[in-house]
Amino acid sequence: MKIKEKIVDHIAVLEVSGKMMGGPETMALHDHVKSLLQDGIKKVVIDLGGVKWINSSGMGVLMACMTTLSNAGGKLVLAHVSEKVNSLLMITQLIKVFETYETVDRAVAALRE
């Protein structure tokens, strides 16, 4: 799993690619979000366009990221959610928890409001 970061108007866009199957590399996403908070960035878009598959451990890391940001007064949204990942969000009912957007631009625009 790889993470690329870009900052747009004080909003971090984290482009994640590969598989989110738990383990140290998936936890690196949560660590990355925590380091953004230390830098004063509280709004994060996670671009899942490059994620081929995600399991329950990967979902747990997304939940941890969201909780960490929420507790700090921030917000997390998801963009480019694939059909496989979206179906997993629906099955687990997490579709009600996460805000999802078709594109990164729309996600960033939603966080600007």
PDB file of N, CA and C in Angstrom:
ATOM      1  N   MET A   1       0.839  -1.182   0.000  1.00  0.00           N
ATOM      2  CA  MET A   1       0.000   0.000   0.000  1.00  0.00           C
ATOM      3  C   MET A   1       0.884   1.246   0.000  1.00  0.00           C
ATOM      4  N   LYS A   2       0.525   2.210  -0.848  1.00  0.00           N
ATOM      5  CA  LYS A   2       1.283   3.460  -0.915  1.00  0.00           C
ATOM      6  C   LYS A   2       0.362   4.629  -0.592  1.00  0.00           C
ATOM      7  N   ILE A   3       0.964   5.685  -0.038  1.00  0.00           N
ATOM      8  CA  ILE A   3       0.208   6.899   0.288  1.00  0.00           C
ATOM      9  C   ILE A   3       0.922   8.084  -0.337  1.00  0.00           C
ATOM     10  N   LYS A   4       0.190   8.859  -1.166  1.00  0.00           N
ATOM     11  CA  LYS A   4       0.718  10.114  -1.703  1.00  0.00           C
ATOM     12  C   LYS A   4      -0.105  11.234  -1.093  1.00  0.00           C
ATOM     13  N   GLU A   5       0.585  12.303  -0.713  1.00  0.00           N
ATOM     14  CA  GLU A   5      -0.110  13.418  -0.059  1.00  0.00           C
ATOM     15  C   GLU A   5       0.007  14.686  -0.886  1.00  0.00           C
ATOM     16  N   LYS A   6      -1.114  15.417  -0.955  1.00  0.00           N
ATOM     17  CA  LYS A   6      -1.039  16.783  -1.462  1.00  0.00           C
ATOM     18  C   LYS A   6      -1.994  17.623  -0.622  1.00  0.00           C
ATOM     19  N   ILE A   7      -1.634  18.876  -0.465  1.00  0.00           N
ATOM     20  CA  ILE A   7      -2.432  19.787   0.357  1.00  0.00           C
ATOM     21  C   ILE A   7      -3.093  20.806  -0.567  1.00  0.00           C
ATOM     22  N   VAL A   8      -4.409  20.934  -0.433  1.00  0.00           N
ATOM     23  CA  VAL A   8      -5.179  21.893  -1.218  1.00  0.00           C
ATOM     24  C   VAL A   8      -5.974  22.756  -0.244  1.00  0.00           C
ATOM     25  N   ASP A   9      -5.649  24.046  -0.165  1.00  0.00           N
ATOM     26  CA  ASP A   9      -6.386  24.962   0.726  1.00  0.00           C
ATOM     27  C   ASP A   9      -6.527  24.418   2.154  1.00  0.00           C
ATOM     28  N   HIS A  10      -5.459  23.990   2.748  1.00  0.00           N
ATOM     29  CA  HIS A  10      -5.455  23.452   4.115  1.00  0.00           C
ATOM     30  C   HIS A  10      -6.252  22.157   4.261  1.00  0.00           C
ATOM     31  N   ILE A  11      -6.492  21.479   3.142  1.00  0.00           N
ATOM     32  CA  ILE A  11      -7.167  20.183   3.150  1.00  0.00           C
ATOM     33  C   ILE A  11      -6.179  19.165   2.599  1.00  0.00           C
ATOM     34  N   ALA A  12      -5.938  18.104   3.362  1.00  0.00           N
ATOM     35  CA  ALA A  12      -5.006  17.070   2.901  1.00  0.00           C
ATOM     36  C   ALA A  12      -5.753  16.064   2.033  1.00  0.00           C
ATOM     37  N   VAL A  13      -5.168  15.759   0.879  1.00  0.00           N
ATOM     38  CA  VAL A  13      -5.703  14.713   0.012  1.00  0.00           C
ATOM     39  C   VAL A  13      -4.691  13.577   0.045  1.00  0.00           C
ATOM     40  N   LEU A  14      -5.110  12.441   0.578  1.00  0.00           N
ATOM     41  CA  LEU A  14      -4.235  11.272   0.668  1.00  0.00           C
ATOM     42  C   LEU A  14      -4.673  10.258  -0.377  1.00  0.00           C
ATOM     43  N   GLU A  15      -3.821  10.071  -1.363  1.00  0.00           N
ATOM     44  CA  GLU A  15      -4.109   9.124  -2.435  1.00  0.00           C
ATOM     45  C   GLU A  15      -3.524   7.775  -2.028  1.00  0.00           C
ATOM     46  N   VAL A  16      -4.407   6.825  -1.772  1.00  0.00           N
ATOM     47  CA  VAL A  16      -3.986   5.513  -1.300  1.00  0.00           C
ATOM     48  C   VAL A  16      -4.083   4.525  -2.456  1.00  0.00           C
ATOM     49  N   SER A  17      -3.050   3.689  -2.612  1.00  0.00           N
ATOM     50  CA  SER A  17      -3.108   2.677  -3.666  1.00  0.00           C
ATOM     51  C   SER A  17      -2.604   1.346  -3.132  1.00  0.00           C
ATOM     52  N   GLY A  18      -3.081   0.271  -3.749  1.00  0.00           N
ATOM     53  CA  GLY A  18      -2.713  -1.074  -3.313  1.00  0.00           C
ATOM     54  C   GLY A  18      -3.855  -1.732  -2.575  1.00  0.00           C
ATOM     55  N   LYS A  19      -3.522  -2.604  -1.640  1.00  0.00           N
ATOM     56  CA  LYS A  19      -4.535  -3.307  -0.851  1.00  0.00           C
ATOM     57  C   LYS A  19      -4.457  -2.855   0.600  1.00  0.00           C
ATOM     58  N   MET A  20      -5.614  -2.625   1.189  1.00  0.00           N
ATOM     59  CA  MET A  20      -5.674  -2.255   2.613  1.00  0.00           C
ATOM     60  C   MET A  20      -6.104  -3.495   3.388  1.00  0.00           C
ATOM     61  N   MET A  21      -5.121  -4.302   3.742  1.00  0.00           N
ATOM     62  CA  MET A  21      -5.411  -5.591   4.360  1.00  0.00           C
ATOM     63  C   MET A  21      -4.885  -5.675   5.792  1.00  0.00           C
ATOM     64  N   GLY A  22      -4.703  -4.551   6.437  1.00  0.00           N
ATOM     65  CA  GLY A  22      -4.201  -4.572   7.804  1.00  0.00           C
ATOM     66  C   GLY A  22      -2.683  -4.601   7.828  1.00  0.00           C
ATOM     67  N   GLY A  23      -2.129  -4.785   9.007  1.00  0.00           N
ATOM     68  CA  GLY A  23      -0.689  -4.834   9.139  1.00  0.00           C
ATOM     69  C   GLY A  23      -0.076  -3.447   9.215  1.00  0.00           C
ATOM     70  N   PRO A  24       1.268  -3.392   9.336  1.00  0.00           N
ATOM     71  CA  PRO A  24       1.967  -2.123   9.551  1.00  0.00           C
ATOM     72  C   PRO A  24       1.742  -1.103   8.449  1.00  0.00           C
ATOM     73  N   GLU A  25       1.665  -1.545   7.189  1.00  0.00           N
ATOM     74  CA  GLU A  25       1.520  -0.554   6.120  1.00  0.00           C
ATOM     75  C   GLU A  25       0.144   0.113   6.143  1.00  0.00           C
ATOM     76  N   THR A  26      -0.887  -0.622   6.555  1.00  0.00           N
ATOM     77  CA  THR A  26      -2.209  -0.010   6.669  1.00  0.00           C
ATOM     78  C   THR A  26      -2.244   0.940   7.864  1.00  0.00           C
ATOM     79  N   MET A  27      -1.568   0.567   8.948  1.00  0.00           N
ATOM     80  CA  MET A  27      -1.507   1.447  10.116  1.00  0.00           C
ATOM     81  C   MET A  27      -0.765   2.745   9.799  1.00  0.00           C
ATOM     82  N   ALA A  28       0.086   2.695   8.785  1.00  0.00           N
ATOM     83  CA  ALA A  28       0.820   3.899   8.375  1.00  0.00           C
ATOM     84  C   ALA A  28      -0.152   5.004   7.957  1.00  0.00           C
ATOM     85  N   LEU A  29      -1.317   4.629   7.455  1.00  0.00           N
ATOM     86  CA  LEU A  29      -2.321   5.625   7.073  1.00  0.00           C
ATOM     87  C   LEU A  29      -2.801   6.385   8.307  1.00  0.00           C
ATOM     88  N   HIS A  30      -3.065   5.668   9.391  1.00  0.00           N
ATOM     89  CA  HIS A  30      -3.504   6.316  10.627  1.00  0.00           C
ATOM     90  C   HIS A  30      -2.394   7.209  11.181  1.00  0.00           C
ATOM     91  N   ASP A  31      -1.161   6.717  11.135  1.00  0.00           N
ATOM     92  CA  ASP A  31      -0.029   7.524  11.597  1.00  0.00           C
ATOM     93  C   ASP A  31       0.108   8.798  10.762  1.00  0.00           C
ATOM     94  N   HIS A  32      -0.137   8.683   9.466  1.00  0.00           N
ATOM     95  CA  HIS A  32      -0.052   9.832   8.560  1.00  0.00           C
ATOM     96  C   HIS A  32      -1.101  10.884   8.945  1.00  0.00           C
ATOM     97  N   VAL A  33      -2.315  10.409   9.219  1.00  0.00           N
ATOM     98  CA  VAL A  33      -3.400  11.321   9.623  1.00  0.00           C
ATOM     99  C   VAL A  33      -3.032  12.018  10.936  1.00  0.00           C
ATOM    100  N   LYS A  34      -2.455  11.268  11.879  1.00  0.00           N
ATOM    101  CA  LYS A  34      -2.053  11.878  13.159  1.00  0.00           C
ATOM    102  C   LYS A  34      -0.971  12.940  12.944  1.00  0.00           C
ATOM    103  N   SER A  35      -0.047  12.698  12.021  1.00  0.00           N
ATOM    104  CA  SER A  35       1.000  13.692  11.762  1.00  0.00           C
ATOM    105  C   SER A  35       0.412  14.941  11.104  1.00  0.00           C
ATOM    106  N   LEU A  36      -0.627  14.768  10.280  1.00  0.00           N
ATOM    107  CA  LEU A  36      -1.309  15.928   9.685  1.00  0.00           C
ATOM    108  C   LEU A  36      -1.941  16.786  10.781  1.00  0.00           C
ATOM    109  N   LEU A  37      -2.554  16.135  11.749  1.00  0.00           N
ATOM    110  CA  LEU A  37      -3.161  16.862  12.870  1.00  0.00           C
ATOM    111  C   LEU A  37      -2.119  17.672  13.626  1.00  0.00           C
ATOM    112  N   GLN A  38      -0.946  17.089  13.827  1.00  0.00           N
ATOM    113  CA  GLN A  38       0.123  17.811  14.525  1.00  0.00           C
ATOM    114  C   GLN A  38       0.553  19.046  13.740  1.00  0.00           C
ATOM    115  N   ASP A  39       0.377  18.995  12.420  1.00  0.00           N
ATOM    116  CA  ASP A  39       0.715  20.145  11.570  1.00  0.00           C
ATOM    117  C   ASP A  39      -0.463  21.115  11.435  1.00  0.00           C
ATOM    118  N   GLY A  40      -1.557  20.840  12.144  1.00  0.00           N
ATOM    119  CA  GLY A  40      -2.699  21.742  12.131  1.00  0.00           C
ATOM    120  C   GLY A  40      -3.676  21.506  10.999  1.00  0.00           C
ATOM    121  N   ILE A  41      -3.543  20.394  10.286  1.00  0.00           N
ATOM    122  CA  ILE A  41      -4.470  20.086   9.186  1.00  0.00           C
ATOM    123  C   ILE A  41      -5.516  19.118   9.713  1.00  0.00           C
ATOM    124  N   LYS A  42      -6.783  19.582   9.718  1.00  0.00           N
ATOM    125  CA  LYS A  42      -7.854  18.806  10.329  1.00  0.00           C
ATOM    126  C   LYS A  42      -8.869  18.271   9.330  1.00  0.00           C
ATOM    127  N   LYS A  43      -8.719  18.628   8.064  1.00  0.00           N
ATOM    128  CA  LYS A  43      -9.653  18.145   7.045  1.00  0.00           C
ATOM    129  C   LYS A  43      -8.893  17.256   6.075  1.00  0.00           C
ATOM    130  N   VAL A  44      -9.400  16.025   5.904  1.00  0.00           N
ATOM    131  CA  VAL A  44      -8.679  15.036   5.109  1.00  0.00           C
ATOM    132  C   VAL A  44      -9.632  14.329   4.140  1.00  0.00           C
ATOM    133  N   VAL A  45      -9.171  14.220   2.892  1.00  0.00           N
ATOM    134  CA  VAL A  45      -9.848  13.407   1.881  1.00  0.00           C
ATOM    135  C   VAL A  45      -8.965  12.182   1.668  1.00  0.00           C
ATOM    136  N   ILE A  46      -9.541  11.001   1.798  1.00  0.00           N
ATOM    137  CA  ILE A  46      -8.800   9.791   1.448  1.00  0.00           C
ATOM    138  C   ILE A  46      -9.323   9.313   0.105  1.00  0.00           C
ATOM    139  N   ASP A  47      -8.441   9.363  -0.891  1.00  0.00           N
ATOM    140  CA  ASP A  47      -8.765   8.960  -2.259  1.00  0.00           C
ATOM    141  C   ASP A  47      -8.491   7.463  -2.381  1.00  0.00           C
ATOM    142  N   LEU A  48      -9.575   6.693  -2.490  1.00  0.00           N
ATOM    143  CA  LEU A  48      -9.448   5.237  -2.544  1.00  0.00           C
ATOM    144  C   LEU A  48      -9.447   4.704  -3.980  1.00  0.00           C
ATOM    145  N   GLY A  49      -9.265   5.587  -4.951  1.00  0.00           N
ATOM    146  CA  GLY A  49      -9.299   5.187  -6.360  1.00  0.00           C
ATOM    147  C   GLY A  49      -8.303   4.094  -6.707  1.00  0.00           C
ATOM    148  N   GLY A  50      -7.171   4.074  -6.022  1.00  0.00           N
ATOM    149  CA  GLY A  50      -6.144   3.083  -6.319  1.00  0.00           C
ATOM    150  C   GLY A  50      -6.195   1.853  -5.429  1.00  0.00           C
ATOM    151  N   VAL A  51      -7.216   1.775  -4.566  1.00  0.00           N
ATOM    152  CA  VAL A  51      -7.317   0.631  -3.649  1.00  0.00           C
ATOM    153  C   VAL A  51      -8.085  -0.495  -4.337  1.00  0.00           C
ATOM    154  N   LYS A  52      -7.403  -1.620  -4.504  1.00  0.00           N
ATOM    155  CA  LYS A  52      -8.006  -2.759  -5.188  1.00  0.00           C
ATOM    156  C   LYS A  52      -8.954  -3.516  -4.257  1.00  0.00           C
ATOM    157  N   TRP A  53      -8.553  -3.667  -3.015  1.00  0.00           N
ATOM    158  CA  TRP A  53      -9.384  -4.402  -2.064  1.00  0.00           C
ATOM    159  C   TRP A  53      -9.102  -3.915  -0.658  1.00  0.00           C
ATOM    160  N   ILE A  54     -10.112  -4.039   0.188  1.00  0.00           N
ATOM    161  CA  ILE A  54      -9.984  -3.627   1.577  1.00  0.00           C
ATOM    162  C   ILE A  54     -10.678  -4.690   2.429  1.00  0.00           C
ATOM    163  N   ASN A  55     -10.068  -5.069   3.543  1.00  0.00           N
ATOM    164  CA  ASN A  55     -10.721  -6.037   4.424  1.00  0.00           C
ATOM    165  C   ASN A  55     -11.146  -5.328   5.709  1.00  0.00           C
ATOM    166  N   SER A  56     -11.576  -6.113   6.693  1.00  0.00           N
ATOM    167  CA  SER A  56     -12.080  -5.507   7.930  1.00  0.00           C
ATOM    168  C   SER A  56     -10.989  -4.722   8.663  1.00  0.00           C
ATOM    169  N   SER A  57      -9.741  -5.172   8.567  1.00  0.00           N
ATOM    170  CA  SER A  57      -8.647  -4.424   9.204  1.00  0.00           C
ATOM    171  C   SER A  57      -8.474  -3.064   8.534  1.00  0.00           C
ATOM    172  N   GLY A  58      -8.566  -3.039   7.213  1.00  0.00           N
ATOM    173  CA  GLY A  58      -8.480  -1.781   6.471  1.00  0.00           C
ATOM    174  C   GLY A  58      -9.615  -0.846   6.836  1.00  0.00           C
ATOM    175  N   MET A  59     -10.813  -1.401   6.968  1.00  0.00           N
ATOM    176  CA  MET A  59     -11.982  -0.604   7.388  1.00  0.00           C
ATOM    177  C   MET A  59     -11.752  -0.041   8.790  1.00  0.00           C
ATOM    178  N   GLY A  60     -11.156  -0.877   9.645  1.00  0.00           N
ATOM    179  CA  GLY A  60     -10.868  -0.435  11.011  1.00  0.00           C
ATOM    180  C   GLY A  60      -9.922   0.755  11.030  1.00  0.00           C
ATOM    181  N   VAL A  61      -8.943   0.749  10.129  1.00  0.00           N
ATOM    182  CA  VAL A  61      -8.001   1.871  10.050  1.00  0.00           C
ATOM    183  C   VAL A  61      -8.718   3.131   9.561  1.00  0.00           C
ATOM    184  N   LEU A  62      -9.614   2.986   8.583  1.00  0.00           N
ATOM    185  CA  LEU A  62     -10.397   4.148   8.127  1.00  0.00           C
ATOM    186  C   LEU A  62     -11.239   4.710   9.277  1.00  0.00           C
ATOM    187  N   MET A  63     -11.842   3.810  10.067  1.00  0.00           N
ATOM    188  CA  MET A  63     -12.632   4.250  11.226  1.00  0.00           C
ATOM    189  C   MET A  63     -11.740   4.955  12.248  1.00  0.00           C
ATOM    190  N   ALA A  64     -10.542   4.419  12.471  1.00  0.00           N
ATOM    191  CA  ALA A  64      -9.607   5.035  13.420  1.00  0.00           C
ATOM    192  C   ALA A  64      -9.214   6.427  12.954  1.00  0.00           C
ATOM    193  N   CYS A  65      -8.969   6.568  11.650  1.00  0.00           N
ATOM    194  CA  CYS A  65      -8.623   7.886  11.092  1.00  0.00           C
ATOM    195  C   CYS A  65      -9.765   8.870  11.304  1.00  0.00           C
ATOM    196  N   MET A  66     -10.989   8.406  11.022  1.00  0.00           N
ATOM    197  CA  MET A  66     -12.154   9.277  11.175  1.00  0.00           C
ATOM    198  C   MET A  66     -12.337   9.687  12.633  1.00  0.00           C
ATOM    199  N   THR A  67     -12.191   8.735  13.545  1.00  0.00           N
ATOM    200  CA  THR A  67     -12.361   9.014  14.977  1.00  0.00           C
ATOM    201  C   THR A  67     -11.312  10.003  15.467  1.00  0.00           C
ATOM    202  N   THR A  68     -10.067   9.786  15.069  1.00  0.00           N
ATOM    203  CA  THR A  68      -8.976  10.676  15.475  1.00  0.00           C
ATOM    204  C   THR A  68      -9.262  12.103  15.010  1.00  0.00           C
ATOM    205  N   LEU A  69      -9.683  12.249  13.751  1.00  0.00           N
ATOM    206  CA  LEU A  69      -9.976  13.586  13.213  1.00  0.00           C
ATOM    207  C   LEU A  69     -11.190  14.200  13.890  1.00  0.00           C
ATOM    208  N   SER A  70     -12.243  13.414  14.083  1.00  0.00           N
ATOM    209  CA  SER A  70     -13.460  13.924  14.734  1.00  0.00           C
ATOM    210  C   SER A  70     -13.171  14.423  16.134  1.00  0.00           C
ATOM    211  N   ASN A  71     -12.373  13.653  16.872  1.00  0.00           N
ATOM    212  CA  ASN A  71     -12.033  14.040  18.245  1.00  0.00           C
ATOM    213  C   ASN A  71     -11.233  15.337  18.295  1.00  0.00           C
ATOM    214  N   ALA A  72     -10.556  15.657  17.195  1.00  0.00           N
ATOM    215  CA  ALA A  72      -9.754  16.890  17.130  1.00  0.00           C
ATOM    216  C   ALA A  72     -10.532  18.019  16.452  1.00  0.00           C
ATOM    217  N   GLY A  73     -11.825  17.778  16.206  1.00  0.00           N
ATOM    218  CA  GLY A  73     -12.642  18.806  15.559  1.00  0.00           C
ATOM    219  C   GLY A  73     -12.472  18.840  14.053  1.00  0.00           C
ATOM    220  N   GLY A  74     -11.951  17.766  13.495  1.00  0.00           N
ATOM    221  CA  GLY A  74     -11.730  17.710  12.051  1.00  0.00           C
ATOM    222  C   GLY A  74     -12.753  16.850  11.351  1.00  0.00           C
ATOM    223  N   LYS A  75     -12.452  16.545  10.082  1.00  0.00           N
ATOM    224  CA  LYS A  75     -13.399  15.771   9.286  1.00  0.00           C
ATOM    225  C   LYS A  75     -12.654  14.939   8.258  1.00  0.00           C
ATOM    226  N   LEU A  76     -13.181  13.739   8.007  1.00  0.00           N
ATOM    227  CA  LEU A  76     -12.634  12.833   7.007  1.00  0.00           C
ATOM    228  C   LEU A  76     -13.731  12.475   6.015  1.00  0.00           C
ATOM    229  N   VAL A  77     -13.410  12.548   4.726  1.00  0.00           N
ATOM    230  CA  VAL A  77     -14.326  12.066   3.699  1.00  0.00           C
ATOM    231  C   VAL A  77     -13.557  11.152   2.747  1.00  0.00           C
ATOM    232  N   LEU A  78     -14.300  10.317   2.027  1.00  0.00           N
ATOM    233  CA  LEU A  78     -13.695   9.378   1.086  1.00  0.00           C
ATOM    234  C   LEU A  78     -14.040   9.781  -0.339  1.00  0.00           C
ATOM    235  N   ALA A  79     -13.109   9.553  -1.256  1.00  0.00           N
ATOM    236  CA  ALA A  79     -13.342   9.845  -2.675  1.00  0.00           C
ATOM    237  C   ALA A  79     -12.923   8.648  -3.518  1.00  0.00           C
ATOM    238  N   HIS A  80     -13.490   8.580  -4.737  1.00  0.00           N
ATOM    239  CA  HIS A  80     -13.146   7.514  -5.692  1.00  0.00           C
ATOM    240  C   HIS A  80     -13.328   6.123  -5.093  1.00  0.00           C
ATOM    241  N   VAL A  81     -14.416   5.900  -4.422  1.00  0.00           N
ATOM    242  CA  VAL A  81     -14.652   4.595  -3.793  1.00  0.00           C
ATOM    243  C   VAL A  81     -15.063   3.599  -4.883  1.00  0.00           C
ATOM    244  N   SER A  82     -14.315   2.525  -5.015  1.00  0.00           N
ATOM    245  CA  SER A  82     -14.612   1.523  -6.053  1.00  0.00           C
ATOM    246  C   SER A  82     -15.896   0.767  -5.705  1.00  0.00           C
ATOM    247  N   GLU A  83     -16.432   0.041  -6.694  1.00  0.00           N
ATOM    248  CA  GLU A  83     -17.656  -0.732  -6.455  1.00  0.00           C
ATOM    249  C   GLU A  83     -17.454  -1.770  -5.359  1.00  0.00           C
ATOM    250  N   LYS A  84     -16.295  -2.440  -5.382  1.00  0.00           N
ATOM    251  CA  LYS A  84     -16.022  -3.462  -4.357  1.00  0.00           C
ATOM    252  C   LYS A  84     -15.999  -2.850  -2.967  1.00  0.00           C
ATOM    253  N   VAL A  85     -15.294  -1.730  -2.834  1.00  0.00           N
ATOM    254  CA  VAL A  85     -15.187  -1.081  -1.526  1.00  0.00           C
ATOM    255  C   VAL A  85     -16.547  -0.525  -1.112  1.00  0.00           C
ATOM    256  N   ASN A  86     -17.277   0.045  -2.059  1.00  0.00           N
ATOM    257  CA  ASN A  86     -18.601   0.594  -1.770  1.00  0.00           C
ATOM    258  C   ASN A  86     -19.553  -0.505  -1.295  1.00  0.00           C
ATOM    259  N   SER A  87     -19.497  -1.679  -1.930  1.00  0.00           N
ATOM    260  CA  SER A  87     -20.372  -2.771  -1.505  1.00  0.00           C
ATOM    261  C   SER A  87     -20.024  -3.215  -0.090  1.00  0.00           C
ATOM    262  N   LEU A  88     -18.739  -3.193   0.249  1.00  0.00           N
ATOM    263  CA  LEU A  88     -18.323  -3.532   1.611  1.00  0.00           C
ATOM    264  C   LEU A  88     -18.840  -2.485   2.610  1.00  0.00           C
ATOM    265  N   LEU A  89     -18.797  -1.213   2.209  1.00  0.00           N
ATOM    266  CA  LEU A  89     -19.336  -0.156   3.070  1.00  0.00           C
ATOM    267  C   LEU A  89     -20.839  -0.360   3.289  1.00  0.00           C
ATOM    268  N   MET A  90     -21.540  -0.789   2.237  1.00  0.00           N
ATOM    269  CA  MET A  90     -22.985  -1.017   2.364  1.00  0.00           C
ATOM    270  C   MET A  90     -23.285  -2.220   3.257  1.00  0.00           C
ATOM    271  N   ILE A  91     -22.566  -3.316   3.048  1.00  0.00           N
ATOM    272  CA  ILE A  91     -22.783  -4.530   3.844  1.00  0.00           C
ATOM    273  C   ILE A  91     -22.540  -4.261   5.328  1.00  0.00           C
ATOM    274  N   THR A  92     -21.490  -3.494   5.628  1.00  0.00           N
ATOM    275  CA  THR A  92     -21.136  -3.215   7.024  1.00  0.00           C
ATOM    276  C   THR A  92     -21.913  -2.036   7.606  1.00  0.00           C
ATOM    277  N   GLN A  93     -22.758  -1.420   6.783  1.00  0.00           N
ATOM    278  CA  GLN A  93     -23.533  -0.238   7.190  1.00  0.00           C
ATOM    279  C   GLN A  93     -22.655   0.987   7.437  1.00  0.00           C
ATOM    280  N   LEU A  94     -21.375   0.915   7.074  1.00  0.00           N
ATOM    281  CA  LEU A  94     -20.486   2.063   7.271  1.00  0.00           C
ATOM    282  C   LEU A  94     -20.737   3.149   6.231  1.00  0.00           C
ATOM    283  N   ILE A  95     -21.552   2.840   5.235  1.00  0.00           N
ATOM    284  CA  ILE A  95     -21.928   3.843   4.240  1.00  0.00           C
ATOM    285  C   ILE A  95     -22.674   4.991   4.930  1.00  0.00           C
ATOM    286  N   LYS A  96     -23.293   4.689   6.082  1.00  0.00           N
ATOM    287  CA  LYS A  96     -24.004   5.712   6.858  1.00  0.00           C
ATOM    288  C   LYS A  96     -23.044   6.558   7.681  1.00  0.00           C
ATOM    289  N   VAL A  97     -21.817   6.059   7.872  1.00  0.00           N
ATOM    290  CA  VAL A  97     -20.833   6.735   8.710  1.00  0.00           C
ATOM    291  C   VAL A  97     -19.912   7.630   7.878  1.00  0.00           C
ATOM    292  N   PHE A  98     -19.481   7.104   6.735  1.00  0.00           N
ATOM    293  CA  PHE A  98     -18.545   7.836   5.880  1.00  0.00           C
ATOM    294  C   PHE A  98     -19.273   8.647   4.816  1.00  0.00           C
ATOM    295  N   GLU A  99     -18.806   9.876   4.606  1.00  0.00           N
ATOM    296  CA  GLU A  99     -19.273  10.650   3.458  1.00  0.00           C
ATOM    297  C   GLU A  99     -18.398  10.244   2.285  1.00  0.00           C
ATOM    298  N   THR A 100     -19.027   9.891   1.164  1.00  0.00           N
ATOM    299  CA  THR A 100     -18.255   9.490  -0.016  1.00  0.00           C
ATOM    300  C   THR A 100     -18.596  10.407  -1.187  1.00  0.00           C
ATOM    301  N   TYR A 101     -17.587  10.655  -2.014  1.00  0.00           N
ATOM    302  CA  TYR A 101     -17.742  11.512  -3.187  1.00  0.00           C
ATOM    303  C   TYR A 101     -17.130  10.829  -4.393  1.00  0.00           C
ATOM    304  N   GLU A 102     -17.703  11.112  -5.565  1.00  0.00           N
ATOM    305  CA  GLU A 102     -17.216  10.485  -6.794  1.00  0.00           C
ATOM    306  C   GLU A 102     -15.816  10.944  -7.157  1.00  0.00           C
ATOM    307  N   THR A 103     -15.517  12.215  -6.890  1.00  0.00           N
ATOM    308  CA  THR A 103     -14.210  12.746  -7.270  1.00  0.00           C
ATOM    309  C   THR A 103     -13.544  13.442  -6.088  1.00  0.00           C
ATOM    310  N   VAL A 104     -12.247  13.591  -6.193  1.00  0.00           N
ATOM    311  CA  VAL A 104     -11.490  14.316  -5.166  1.00  0.00           C
ATOM    312  C   VAL A 104     -11.933  15.776  -5.133  1.00  0.00           C
ATOM    313  N   ASP A 105     -12.157  16.361  -6.303  1.00  0.00           N
ATOM    314  CA  ASP A 105     -12.566  17.768  -6.367  1.00  0.00           C
ATOM    315  C   ASP A 105     -13.859  18.003  -5.591  1.00  0.00           C
ATOM    316  N   ARG A 106     -14.823  17.102  -5.752  1.00  0.00           N
ATOM    317  CA  ARG A 106     -16.092  17.254  -5.025  1.00  0.00           C
ATOM    318  C   ARG A 106     -15.891  17.087  -3.523  1.00  0.00           C
ATOM    319  N   ALA A 107     -15.023  16.153  -3.154  1.00  0.00           N
ATOM    320  CA  ALA A 107     -14.744  15.937  -1.727  1.00  0.00           C
ATOM    321  C   ALA A 107     -14.091  17.163  -1.115  1.00  0.00           C
ATOM    322  N   VAL A 108     -13.121  17.731  -1.821  1.00  0.00           N
ATOM    323  CA  VAL A 108     -12.436  18.945  -1.337  1.00  0.00           C
ATOM    324  C   VAL A 108     -13.432  20.092  -1.224  1.00  0.00           C
ATOM    325  N   ALA A 109     -14.291  20.232  -2.236  1.00  0.00           N
ATOM    326  CA  ALA A 109     -15.298  21.298  -2.216  1.00  0.00           C
ATOM    327  C   ALA A 109     -16.239  21.138  -1.012  1.00  0.00           C
ATOM    328  N   ALA A 110     -16.599  19.907  -0.695  1.00  0.00           N
ATOM    329  CA  ALA A 110     -17.480  19.660   0.454  1.00  0.00           C
ATOM    330  C   ALA A 110     -16.808  20.052   1.762  1.00  0.00           C
ATOM    331  N   LEU A 111     -15.503  19.849   1.849  1.00  0.00           N
ATOM    332  CA  LEU A 111     -14.779  20.186   3.078  1.00  0.00           C
ATOM    333  C   LEU A 111     -14.519  21.690   3.193  1.00  0.00           C
ATOM    334  N   ARG A 112     -14.582  22.399   2.087  1.00  0.00           N
ATOM    335  CA  ARG A 112     -14.364  23.859   2.117  1.00  0.00           C
ATOM    336  C   ARG A 112     -15.535  24.569   2.783  1.00  0.00           C
ATOM    337  N   GLU A 113     -16.710  23.970   2.718  1.00  0.00           N
ATOM    338  CA  GLU A 113     -17.932  24.629   3.225  1.00  0.00           C
ATOM    339  C   GLU A 113     -17.879  24.867   4.716  1.00  0.00           C
TER     340      GLU A 113
END
